[in-house]
Amino acid sequence: MKDVDLNKFKITDSVQLESLPTALEDQPEKHELKKALKATRKKMADWQDKLYAHNRYAVLVCLQGMDTAGKDSLVREVFKGFNSRGVVVHSFKTPTSRELKHDFLWRHYCALPERGKFGVFNRTHYENVLVTKVHPEYILNERLPGVTSINDINENFWKRRYEEIHNFEKHISRNGIIVFKFFLNISKEEQRQRLLRRLRKPNKNWKFSPGDLEERKLWDAYRSSYEEAINNTATKDLPWYVIPADSKHAARYLVARIMQEKLETYQEVQEPSLPPDILENLDDYRRQLEKE
């Protein structure tokens, strides 16, 4: 399969989402993408074993996208073959009453991966500047000082929140968490087709909610919120990756390849060496076991 320049999906500064593709120009065949994903996935699974043994880093994978963007199936396919104890997935829904008693980042801190493990945020801390930006009335549930009406939620409020999110990411990355941020970029037409498939296929009906259609009417507002979030938090050290996602197979492969290439730059992540006194006696330990 023809190699893809992964840098074209990396965002470190301002961007206009409308100008970015939702599909690859030279789309490889499905069987090629599946084969390439399988090989990439194997390399990442091997790296995960070293990550666990090294025990100094963790990996946080942040997935965002419009409804039907393919986040759930991407998690299933990209992390297939990983040690299941080494990957923990969190999907952040409406905050619970307990979570609302804390600051908006508290529940995300609590869900961060331990050293040696992968954590996947399927919907992330960015929901606090996406859904709430489109539905600012939700902010009132946080009972913040000085915020008693929607009129109090102004541009300065969002600017501070972007800054707090960026500081959160800087803090965790400086403490050993390798952060990936992916936006699965689908077209409005592709979303329409995927919603129709949910309605046409009986085994997919359970995924559909009438609320999906109401949120679809807010497509432009959500796209604007995503664009502002990316533009306010994309940096050289903590970039976003905007992934063409009209093809789920292509999106899965691109996410896996981006992760694999970045993770392999951490050359210090290796299995620790055995102490010399144990290493020199390995043959003796083997003989002891073989005699049993």
C-alpha atoms as a PDB file:
ATOM      1  CA  MET A   1       0.000   0.000   0.000  1.00  0.00           C
ATOM      2  CA  LYS A   2       1.253   3.476  -0.860  1.00  0.00           C
ATOM      3  CA  ASP A   3       2.623   5.262   2.207  1.00  0.00           C
ATOM      4  CA  VAL A   4       0.748   8.264   3.584  1.00  0.00           C
ATOM      5  CA  ASP A   5       2.338  11.506   4.781  1.00  0.00           C
ATOM      6  CA  LEU A   6       1.046  11.601   8.358  1.00  0.00           C
ATOM      7  CA  ASN A   7       2.248  15.159   8.962  1.00  0.00           C
ATOM      8  CA  LYS A   8      -0.554  16.531   6.788  1.00  0.00           C
ATOM      9  CA  PHE A   9      -3.041  15.578   9.528  1.00  0.00           C
ATOM     10  CA  LYS A  10      -1.071  17.240  12.331  1.00  0.00           C
ATOM     11  CA  ILE A  11      -2.399  20.596  13.566  1.00  0.00           C
ATOM     12  CA  THR A  12      -0.163  22.842  15.670  1.00  0.00           C
ATOM     13  CA  ASP A  13      -1.789  26.199  14.942  1.00  0.00           C
ATOM     14  CA  SER A  14      -5.053  27.691  13.712  1.00  0.00           C
ATOM     15  CA  VAL A  15      -7.023  25.803  11.092  1.00  0.00           C
ATOM     16  CA  GLN A  16     -10.327  25.961   9.241  1.00  0.00           C
ATOM     17  CA  LEU A  17     -12.072  22.597   9.402  1.00  0.00           C
ATOM     18  CA  GLU A  18     -14.001  23.307   6.213  1.00  0.00           C
ATOM     19  CA  SER A  19     -10.704  23.342   4.323  1.00  0.00           C
ATOM     20  CA  LEU A  20      -9.638  19.908   5.560  1.00  0.00           C
ATOM     21  CA  PRO A  21     -10.585  16.677   3.768  1.00  0.00           C
ATOM     22  CA  THR A  22     -12.991  14.105   5.163  1.00  0.00           C
ATOM     23  CA  ALA A  23     -11.593  11.405   2.839  1.00  0.00           C
ATOM     24  CA  LEU A  24      -8.149  10.476   1.532  1.00  0.00           C
ATOM     25  CA  GLU A  25      -7.333  11.603  -1.993  1.00  0.00           C
ATOM     26  CA  ASP A  26      -6.023   8.197  -3.101  1.00  0.00           C
ATOM     27  CA  GLN A  27      -8.184   5.922  -1.014  1.00  0.00           C
ATOM     28  CA  PRO A  28      -6.545   2.469  -0.613  1.00  0.00           C
ATOM     29  CA  GLU A  29      -8.723  -0.621  -0.945  1.00  0.00           C
ATOM     30  CA  LYS A  30     -10.459  -1.850   2.199  1.00  0.00           C
ATOM     31  CA  HIS A  31      -8.447  -5.094   2.302  1.00  0.00           C
ATOM     32  CA  GLU A  32      -5.188  -3.102   2.055  1.00  0.00           C
ATOM     33  CA  LEU A  33      -6.185  -0.881   4.960  1.00  0.00           C
ATOM     34  CA  LYS A  34      -7.204  -3.844   7.102  1.00  0.00           C
ATOM     35  CA  LYS A  35      -3.911  -5.602   6.405  1.00  0.00           C
ATOM     36  CA  ALA A  36      -1.905  -2.458   7.156  1.00  0.00           C
ATOM     37  CA  LEU A  37      -3.845  -1.887  10.383  1.00  0.00           C
ATOM     38  CA  LYS A  38      -3.178  -5.447  11.514  1.00  0.00           C
ATOM     39  CA  ALA A  39       0.578  -5.012  11.061  1.00  0.00           C
ATOM     40  CA  THR A  40       0.583  -1.621  12.805  1.00  0.00           C
ATOM     41  CA  ARG A  41      -1.553  -2.936  15.643  1.00  0.00           C
ATOM     42  CA  LYS A  42       0.934  -5.776  16.236  1.00  0.00           C
ATOM     43  CA  LYS A  43       3.809  -3.294  16.556  1.00  0.00           C
ATOM     44  CA  MET A  44       1.834  -1.185  19.034  1.00  0.00           C
ATOM     45  CA  ALA A  45       0.877  -4.239  21.102  1.00  0.00           C
ATOM     46  CA  ASP A  46       4.563  -5.190  21.340  1.00  0.00           C
ATOM     47  CA  TRP A  47       5.380  -1.611  22.395  1.00  0.00           C
ATOM     48  CA  GLN A  48       2.648  -1.800  25.035  1.00  0.00           C
ATOM     49  CA  ASP A  49       4.443  -4.752  26.639  1.00  0.00           C
ATOM     50  CA  LYS A  50       7.611  -2.666  26.900  1.00  0.00           C
ATOM     51  CA  LEU A  51       5.625   0.292  28.240  1.00  0.00           C
ATOM     52  CA  TYR A  52       4.240  -1.885  31.050  1.00  0.00           C
ATOM     53  CA  ALA A  53       7.653  -3.280  31.953  1.00  0.00           C
ATOM     54  CA  HIS A  54       9.372   0.119  31.771  1.00  0.00           C
ATOM     55  CA  ASN A  55       6.714   1.628  34.054  1.00  0.00           C
ATOM     56  CA  ARG A  56       7.623   5.311  33.617  1.00  0.00           C
ATOM     57  CA  TYR A  57       5.151   6.482  30.985  1.00  0.00           C
ATOM     58  CA  ALA A  58       1.441   6.166  30.272  1.00  0.00           C
ATOM     59  CA  VAL A  59      -0.451   6.938  27.066  1.00  0.00           C
ATOM     60  CA  LEU A  60      -3.674   8.939  26.819  1.00  0.00           C
ATOM     61  CA  VAL A  61      -5.633   8.715  23.561  1.00  0.00           C
ATOM     62  CA  CYS A  62      -8.322  11.390  23.191  1.00  0.00           C
ATOM     63  CA  LEU A  63     -11.026  10.769  20.575  1.00  0.00           C
ATOM     64  CA  GLN A  64     -13.487  13.438  19.509  1.00  0.00           C
ATOM     65  CA  GLY A  65     -15.858  13.670  16.573  1.00  0.00           C
ATOM     66  CA  MET A  66     -19.393  14.388  15.541  1.00  0.00           C
ATOM     67  CA  ASP A  67     -22.032  11.757  16.244  1.00  0.00           C
ATOM     68  CA  THR A  68     -21.479   8.610  14.078  1.00  0.00           C
ATOM     69  CA  ALA A  69     -17.821   9.541  13.478  1.00  0.00           C
ATOM     70  CA  GLY A  70     -16.792   5.958  14.338  1.00  0.00           C
ATOM     71  CA  LYS A  71     -15.125   6.387  17.729  1.00  0.00           C
ATOM     72  CA  ASP A  72     -16.432   3.156  19.278  1.00  0.00           C
ATOM     73  CA  SER A  73     -15.459   0.896  16.388  1.00  0.00           C
ATOM     74  CA  LEU A  74     -12.073   2.611  16.142  1.00  0.00           C
ATOM     75  CA  VAL A  75     -11.324   1.762  19.778  1.00  0.00           C
ATOM     76  CA  ARG A  76     -12.389  -1.840  19.176  1.00  0.00           C
ATOM     77  CA  GLU A  77     -10.253  -2.300  16.046  1.00  0.00           C
ATOM     78  CA  VAL A  78      -7.141  -0.284  16.897  1.00  0.00           C
ATOM     79  CA  PHE A  79      -6.636  -1.862  20.324  1.00  0.00           C
ATOM     80  CA  LYS A  80      -7.515  -5.414  19.316  1.00  0.00           C
ATOM     81  CA  GLY A  81      -4.656  -7.679  20.348  1.00  0.00           C
ATOM     82  CA  PHE A  82      -3.502  -5.449  23.208  1.00  0.00           C
ATOM     83  CA  ASN A  83      -3.244  -6.910  26.689  1.00  0.00           C
ATOM     84  CA  SER A  84      -6.732  -6.074  27.962  1.00  0.00           C
ATOM     85  CA  ARG A  85      -5.374  -5.169  31.401  1.00  0.00           C
ATOM     86  CA  GLY A  86      -3.197  -2.527  29.785  1.00  0.00           C
ATOM     87  CA  VAL A  87      -5.987  -0.513  28.117  1.00  0.00           C
ATOM     88  CA  VAL A  88      -8.737   1.315  30.014  1.00  0.00           C
ATOM     89  CA  VAL A  89     -11.507   3.102  28.091  1.00  0.00           C
ATOM     90  CA  HIS A  90     -13.615   5.926  29.528  1.00  0.00           C
ATOM     91  CA  SER A  91     -16.582   7.553  27.825  1.00  0.00           C
ATOM     92  CA  PHE A  92     -17.598  10.789  29.471  1.00  0.00           C
ATOM     93  CA  LYS A  93     -21.338  11.396  29.417  1.00  0.00           C
ATOM     94  CA  THR A  94     -23.433  13.994  31.245  1.00  0.00           C
ATOM     95  CA  PRO A  95     -21.713  14.745  34.590  1.00  0.00           C
ATOM     96  CA  THR A  96     -23.203  12.990  37.606  1.00  0.00           C
ATOM     97  CA  SER A  97     -24.356  14.893  40.680  1.00  0.00           C
ATOM     98  CA  ARG A  98     -21.134  13.880  42.437  1.00  0.00           C
ATOM     99  CA  GLU A  99     -18.973  15.063  39.528  1.00  0.00           C
ATOM    100  CA  LEU A 100     -20.787  18.394  39.475  1.00  0.00           C
ATOM    101  CA  LYS A 101     -19.634  18.975  43.054  1.00  0.00           C
ATOM    102  CA  HIS A 102     -16.068  19.287  41.723  1.00  0.00           C
ATOM    103  CA  ASP A 103     -14.357  21.388  39.068  1.00  0.00           C
ATOM    104  CA  PHE A 104     -14.969  20.312  35.474  1.00  0.00           C
ATOM    105  CA  LEU A 105     -11.586  18.581  35.094  1.00  0.00           C
ATOM    106  CA  TRP A 106     -11.824  16.528  38.302  1.00  0.00           C
ATOM    107  CA  ARG A 107     -13.438  13.468  36.743  1.00  0.00           C
ATOM    108  CA  HIS A 108     -10.855  13.486  33.951  1.00  0.00           C
ATOM    109  CA  TYR A 109      -7.949  13.565  36.392  1.00  0.00           C
ATOM    110  CA  CYS A 110      -9.523  10.595  38.191  1.00  0.00           C
ATOM    111  CA  ALA A 111      -9.671   8.603  34.938  1.00  0.00           C
ATOM    112  CA  LEU A 112      -6.059   9.155  33.818  1.00  0.00           C
ATOM    113  CA  PRO A 113      -4.107   5.977  33.006  1.00  0.00           C
ATOM    114  CA  GLU A 114      -1.578   4.549  35.433  1.00  0.00           C
ATOM    115  CA  ARG A 115       2.067   4.330  34.440  1.00  0.00           C
ATOM    116  CA  GLY A 116       2.567   1.444  32.060  1.00  0.00           C
ATOM    117  CA  LYS A 117      -0.965   1.602  30.647  1.00  0.00           C
ATOM    118  CA  PHE A 118      -2.989   3.095  27.814  1.00  0.00           C
ATOM    119  CA  GLY A 119      -6.056   5.178  28.624  1.00  0.00           C
ATOM    120  CA  VAL A 120      -8.639   6.026  25.983  1.00  0.00           C
ATOM    121  CA  PHE A 121     -11.031   8.935  26.444  1.00  0.00           C
ATOM    122  CA  ASN A 122     -13.890   8.233  24.038  1.00  0.00           C
ATOM    123  CA  ARG A 123     -15.330  11.723  24.280  1.00  0.00           C
ATOM    124  CA  THR A 124     -13.025  13.718  26.491  1.00  0.00           C
ATOM    125  CA  HIS A 125     -12.401  16.761  28.641  1.00  0.00           C
ATOM    126  CA  TYR A 126     -13.140  18.755  25.461  1.00  0.00           C
ATOM    127  CA  GLU A 127     -16.837  18.053  25.896  1.00  0.00           C
ATOM    128  CA  ASN A 128     -16.617  20.914  28.405  1.00  0.00           C
ATOM    129  CA  VAL A 129     -16.015  23.360  25.537  1.00  0.00           C
ATOM    130  CA  LEU A 130     -18.042  21.570  22.858  1.00  0.00           C
ATOM    131  CA  VAL A 131     -21.457  20.436  24.085  1.00  0.00           C
ATOM    132  CA  THR A 132     -21.487  23.217  26.662  1.00  0.00           C
ATOM    133  CA  LYS A 133     -20.529  25.786  24.014  1.00  0.00           C
ATOM    134  CA  VAL A 134     -23.529  24.765  21.912  1.00  0.00           C
ATOM    135  CA  HIS A 135     -25.744  24.389  25.005  1.00  0.00           C
ATOM    136  CA  PRO A 136     -24.349  26.983  27.457  1.00  0.00           C
ATOM    137  CA  GLU A 137     -27.270  26.417  29.820  1.00  0.00           C
ATOM    138  CA  TYR A 138     -25.511  23.199  30.895  1.00  0.00           C
ATOM    139  CA  ILE A 139     -22.788  25.307  32.514  1.00  0.00           C
ATOM    140  CA  LEU A 140     -25.306  26.559  35.064  1.00  0.00           C
ATOM    141  CA  ASN A 141     -25.412  23.030  36.537  1.00  0.00           C
ATOM    142  CA  GLU A 142     -21.794  23.503  37.650  1.00  0.00           C
ATOM    143  CA  ARG A 143     -22.868  26.213  40.104  1.00  0.00           C
ATOM    144  CA  LEU A 144     -19.744  28.273  39.489  1.00  0.00           C
ATOM    145  CA  PRO A 145     -19.115  31.454  41.494  1.00  0.00           C
ATOM    146  CA  GLY A 146     -20.185  34.489  39.505  1.00  0.00           C
ATOM    147  CA  VAL A 147     -22.086  32.445  36.901  1.00  0.00           C
ATOM    148  CA  THR A 148     -25.786  32.726  37.641  1.00  0.00           C
ATOM    149  CA  SER A 149     -27.157  33.129  34.116  1.00  0.00           C
ATOM    150  CA  ILE A 150     -26.170  32.432  30.513  1.00  0.00           C
ATOM    151  CA  ASN A 151     -25.236  36.112  30.190  1.00  0.00           C
ATOM    152  CA  ASP A 152     -22.297  35.452  32.529  1.00  0.00           C
ATOM    153  CA  ILE A 153     -20.864  32.875  30.082  1.00  0.00           C
ATOM    154  CA  ASN A 154     -18.933  35.187  27.781  1.00  0.00           C
ATOM    155  CA  GLU A 155     -15.838  34.940  25.583  1.00  0.00           C
ATOM    156  CA  ASN A 156     -13.544  35.468  28.568  1.00  0.00           C
ATOM    157  CA  PHE A 157     -15.168  32.453  30.224  1.00  0.00           C
ATOM    158  CA  TRP A 158     -14.350  30.217  27.246  1.00  0.00           C
ATOM    159  CA  LYS A 159     -10.850  31.660  26.914  1.00  0.00           C
ATOM    160  CA  ARG A 160     -10.134  30.729  30.545  1.00  0.00           C
ATOM    161  CA  ARG A 161     -11.556  27.251  30.010  1.00  0.00           C
ATOM    162  CA  TYR A 162      -9.356  26.621  26.967  1.00  0.00           C
ATOM    163  CA  GLU A 163      -6.379  27.776  29.014  1.00  0.00           C
ATOM    164  CA  GLU A 164      -7.304  25.438  31.871  1.00  0.00           C
ATOM    165  CA  ILE A 165      -7.597  22.499  29.470  1.00  0.00           C
ATOM    166  CA  HIS A 166      -4.239  23.311  27.914  1.00  0.00           C
ATOM    167  CA  ASN A 167      -2.617  23.590  31.338  1.00  0.00           C
ATOM    168  CA  PHE A 168      -4.137  20.218  32.295  1.00  0.00           C
ATOM    169  CA  GLU A 169      -2.550  18.620  29.244  1.00  0.00           C
ATOM    170  CA  LYS A 170       0.809  20.299  29.842  1.00  0.00           C
ATOM    171  CA  HIS A 171       0.805  19.117  33.446  1.00  0.00           C
ATOM    172  CA  ILE A 172       0.077  15.477  32.679  1.00  0.00           C
ATOM    173  CA  SER A 173       2.492  15.358  29.731  1.00  0.00           C
ATOM    174  CA  ARG A 174       5.295  16.724  31.919  1.00  0.00           C
ATOM    175  CA  ASN A 175       4.549  13.935  34.377  1.00  0.00           C
ATOM    176  CA  GLY A 176       4.920  11.061  31.952  1.00  0.00           C
ATOM    177  CA  ILE A 177       1.616  10.826  30.059  1.00  0.00           C
ATOM    178  CA  ILE A 178       2.023  10.787  26.279  1.00  0.00           C
ATOM    179  CA  VAL A 179      -1.037  12.612  24.927  1.00  0.00           C
ATOM    180  CA  PHE A 180      -2.697  12.022  21.547  1.00  0.00           C
ATOM    181  CA  LYS A 181      -5.667  14.154  20.431  1.00  0.00           C
ATOM    182  CA  PHE A 182      -7.666  12.978  17.430  1.00  0.00           C
ATOM    183  CA  PHE A 183     -10.634  14.649  15.756  1.00  0.00           C
ATOM    184  CA  LEU A 184     -12.453  12.245  13.416  1.00  0.00           C
ATOM    185  CA  ASN A 185     -13.515  14.527  10.598  1.00  0.00           C
ATOM    186  CA  ILE A 186     -16.617  13.292   8.760  1.00  0.00           C
ATOM    187  CA  SER A 187     -18.803  15.101   6.237  1.00  0.00           C
ATOM    188  CA  LYS A 188     -22.409  16.013   6.935  1.00  0.00           C
ATOM    189  CA  GLU A 189     -23.516  13.724   4.101  1.00  0.00           C
ATOM    190  CA  GLU A 190     -21.598  10.778   5.557  1.00  0.00           C
ATOM    191  CA  GLN A 191     -23.247  11.373   8.925  1.00  0.00           C
ATOM    192  CA  ARG A 192     -26.655  11.323   7.192  1.00  0.00           C
ATOM    193  CA  GLN A 193     -25.856   7.988   5.568  1.00  0.00           C
ATOM    194  CA  ARG A 194     -24.679   6.469   8.859  1.00  0.00           C
ATOM    195  CA  LEU A 195     -27.823   7.627  10.657  1.00  0.00           C
ATOM    196  CA  LEU A 196     -29.897   6.079   7.868  1.00  0.00           C
ATOM    197  CA  ARG A 197     -28.028   2.779   8.303  1.00  0.00           C
ATOM    198  CA  ARG A 198     -28.942   2.826  11.978  1.00  0.00           C
ATOM    199  CA  LEU A 199     -32.581   3.073  10.973  1.00  0.00           C
ATOM    200  CA  ARG A 200     -32.462   0.539   8.137  1.00  0.00           C
ATOM    201  CA  LYS A 201     -30.587  -2.222   9.964  1.00  0.00           C
ATOM    202  CA  PRO A 202     -32.631  -3.796  12.806  1.00  0.00           C
ATOM    203  CA  ASN A 203     -29.480  -4.739  14.734  1.00  0.00           C
ATOM    204  CA  LYS A 204     -28.388  -1.070  14.653  1.00  0.00           C
ATOM    205  CA  ASN A 205     -31.732   0.465  15.666  1.00  0.00           C
ATOM    206  CA  TRP A 206     -30.720   0.570  19.317  1.00  0.00           C
ATOM    207  CA  LYS A 207     -28.047   3.162  18.487  1.00  0.00           C
ATOM    208  CA  PHE A 208     -30.605   5.638  17.173  1.00  0.00           C
ATOM    209  CA  SER A 209     -32.294   8.344  19.207  1.00  0.00           C
ATOM    210  CA  PRO A 210     -34.619  11.097  17.972  1.00  0.00           C
ATOM    211  CA  GLY A 211     -32.218  13.446  19.738  1.00  0.00           C
ATOM    212  CA  ASP A 212     -29.638  12.563  17.072  1.00  0.00           C
ATOM    213  CA  LEU A 213     -31.705  14.480  14.529  1.00  0.00           C
ATOM    214  CA  GLU A 214     -32.087  17.475  16.830  1.00  0.00           C
ATOM    215  CA  GLU A 215     -28.328  17.630  17.384  1.00  0.00           C
ATOM    216  CA  ARG A 216     -27.726  17.237  13.642  1.00  0.00           C
ATOM    217  CA  LYS A 217     -29.597  20.492  13.111  1.00  0.00           C
ATOM    218  CA  LEU A 218     -26.799  22.109  15.129  1.00  0.00           C
ATOM    219  CA  TRP A 219     -24.068  20.794  12.823  1.00  0.00           C
ATOM    220  CA  ASP A 220     -22.625  24.246  12.061  1.00  0.00           C
ATOM    221  CA  ALA A 221     -22.571  25.239  15.723  1.00  0.00           C
ATOM    222  CA  TYR A 222     -20.736  22.049  16.673  1.00  0.00           C
ATOM    223  CA  ARG A 223     -18.230  22.428  13.844  1.00  0.00           C
ATOM    224  CA  SER A 224     -17.534  25.972  14.966  1.00  0.00           C
ATOM    225  CA  SER A 225     -17.033  24.787  18.560  1.00  0.00           C
ATOM    226  CA  TYR A 226     -14.624  22.073  17.435  1.00  0.00           C
ATOM    227  CA  GLU A 227     -12.672  24.538  15.339  1.00  0.00           C
ATOM    228  CA  GLU A 228     -12.349  26.997  18.223  1.00  0.00           C
ATOM    229  CA  ALA A 229     -11.316  24.242  20.637  1.00  0.00           C
ATOM    230  CA  ILE A 230      -8.642  22.959  18.270  1.00  0.00           C
ATOM    231  CA  ASN A 231      -7.352  26.433  17.447  1.00  0.00           C
ATOM    232  CA  ASN A 232      -7.068  27.348  21.126  1.00  0.00           C
ATOM    233  CA  THR A 233      -5.312  24.161  22.266  1.00  0.00           C
ATOM    234  CA  ALA A 234      -3.186  22.933  19.357  1.00  0.00           C
ATOM    235  CA  THR A 235       0.539  23.481  19.929  1.00  0.00           C
ATOM    236  CA  LYS A 236       3.789  21.965  18.710  1.00  0.00           C
ATOM    237  CA  ASP A 237       4.125  19.875  21.872  1.00  0.00           C
ATOM    238  CA  LEU A 238       0.420  19.013  22.152  1.00  0.00           C
ATOM    239  CA  PRO A 239      -0.903  18.903  18.600  1.00  0.00           C
ATOM    240  CA  TRP A 240      -4.282  17.816  17.328  1.00  0.00           C
ATOM    241  CA  TYR A 241      -4.627  15.322  14.499  1.00  0.00           C
ATOM    242  CA  VAL A 242      -7.602  15.909  12.211  1.00  0.00           C
ATOM    243  CA  ILE A 243      -8.314  12.523  10.636  1.00  0.00           C
ATOM    244  CA  PRO A 244     -10.356  12.093   7.427  1.00  0.00           C
ATOM    245  CA  ALA A 245     -13.062   9.734   8.698  1.00  0.00           C
ATOM    246  CA  ASP A 246     -15.623   9.210   5.932  1.00  0.00           C
ATOM    247  CA  SER A 247     -13.923   5.817   5.619  1.00  0.00           C
ATOM    248  CA  LYS A 248     -13.792   4.068   8.996  1.00  0.00           C
ATOM    249  CA  HIS A 249     -11.075   1.712   7.768  1.00  0.00           C
ATOM    250  CA  ALA A 250      -8.851   4.603   6.700  1.00  0.00           C
ATOM    251  CA  ALA A 251      -9.435   6.484   9.958  1.00  0.00           C
ATOM    252  CA  ARG A 252      -8.492   3.457  12.060  1.00  0.00           C
ATOM    253  CA  TYR A 253      -5.296   2.904  10.112  1.00  0.00           C
ATOM    254  CA  LEU A 254      -4.248   6.563  10.258  1.00  0.00           C
ATOM    255  CA  VAL A 255      -4.807   6.802  14.009  1.00  0.00           C
ATOM    256  CA  ALA A 256      -2.840   3.608  14.618  1.00  0.00           C
ATOM    257  CA  ARG A 257       0.052   4.670  12.357  1.00  0.00           C
ATOM    258  CA  ILE A 258       0.306   8.114  13.940  1.00  0.00           C
ATOM    259  CA  MET A 259       0.453   6.548  17.380  1.00  0.00           C
ATOM    260  CA  GLN A 260       2.943   3.879  16.367  1.00  0.00           C
ATOM    261  CA  GLU A 261       5.374   6.349  14.770  1.00  0.00           C
ATOM    262  CA  LYS A 262       5.243   8.721  17.735  1.00  0.00           C
ATOM    263  CA  LEU A 263       5.568   6.017  20.379  1.00  0.00           C
ATOM    264  CA  GLU A 264       8.592   4.468  18.707  1.00  0.00           C
ATOM    265  CA  THR A 265      10.482   7.750  19.178  1.00  0.00           C
ATOM    266  CA  TYR A 266      10.491   6.976  22.933  1.00  0.00           C
ATOM    267  CA  GLN A 267      13.523   4.741  22.587  1.00  0.00           C
ATOM    268  CA  GLU A 268      14.147   4.647  26.329  1.00  0.00           C
ATOM    269  CA  VAL A 269      10.966   2.580  26.745  1.00  0.00           C
ATOM    270  CA  GLN A 270      12.496  -0.895  27.039  1.00  0.00           C
ATOM    271  CA  GLU A 271      12.160  -3.920  29.269  1.00  0.00           C
ATOM    272  CA  PRO A 272      14.425  -3.467  32.312  1.00  0.00           C
ATOM    273  CA  SER A 273      17.567  -5.611  32.475  1.00  0.00           C
ATOM    274  CA  LEU A 274      17.869  -8.261  35.143  1.00  0.00           C
ATOM    275  CA  PRO A 275      20.398  -7.645  37.930  1.00  0.00           C
ATOM    276  CA  PRO A 276      23.801  -9.208  37.086  1.00  0.00           C
ATOM    277  CA  ASP A 277      23.623 -11.758  39.930  1.00  0.00           C
ATOM    278  CA  ILE A 278      20.333 -13.128  38.554  1.00  0.00           C
ATOM    279  CA  LEU A 279      21.343 -12.893  34.902  1.00  0.00           C
ATOM    280  CA  GLU A 280      24.504 -14.982  35.370  1.00  0.00           C
ATOM    281  CA  ASN A 281      22.526 -17.752  37.073  1.00  0.00           C
ATOM    282  CA  LEU A 282      19.680 -18.103  34.573  1.00  0.00           C
ATOM    283  CA  ASP A 283      20.954 -21.463  33.307  1.00  0.00           C
ATOM    284  CA  ASP A 284      21.033 -22.782  36.872  1.00  0.00           C
ATOM    285  CA  TYR A 285      17.451 -21.650  37.519  1.00  0.00           C
ATOM    286  CA  ARG A 286      16.375 -23.339  34.281  1.00  0.00           C
ATOM    287  CA  ARG A 287      18.042 -26.606  35.273  1.00  0.00           C
ATOM    288  CA  GLN A 288      16.361 -26.545  38.669  1.00  0.00           C
ATOM    289  CA  LEU A 289      12.941 -26.280  37.020  1.00  0.00           C
ATOM    290  CA  GLU A 290      13.737 -28.936  34.407  1.00  0.00           C
ATOM    291  CA  LYS A 291      14.690 -31.430  37.151  1.00  0.00           C
ATOM    292  CA  GLU A 292      11.308 -31.144  38.898  1.00  0.00           C
END
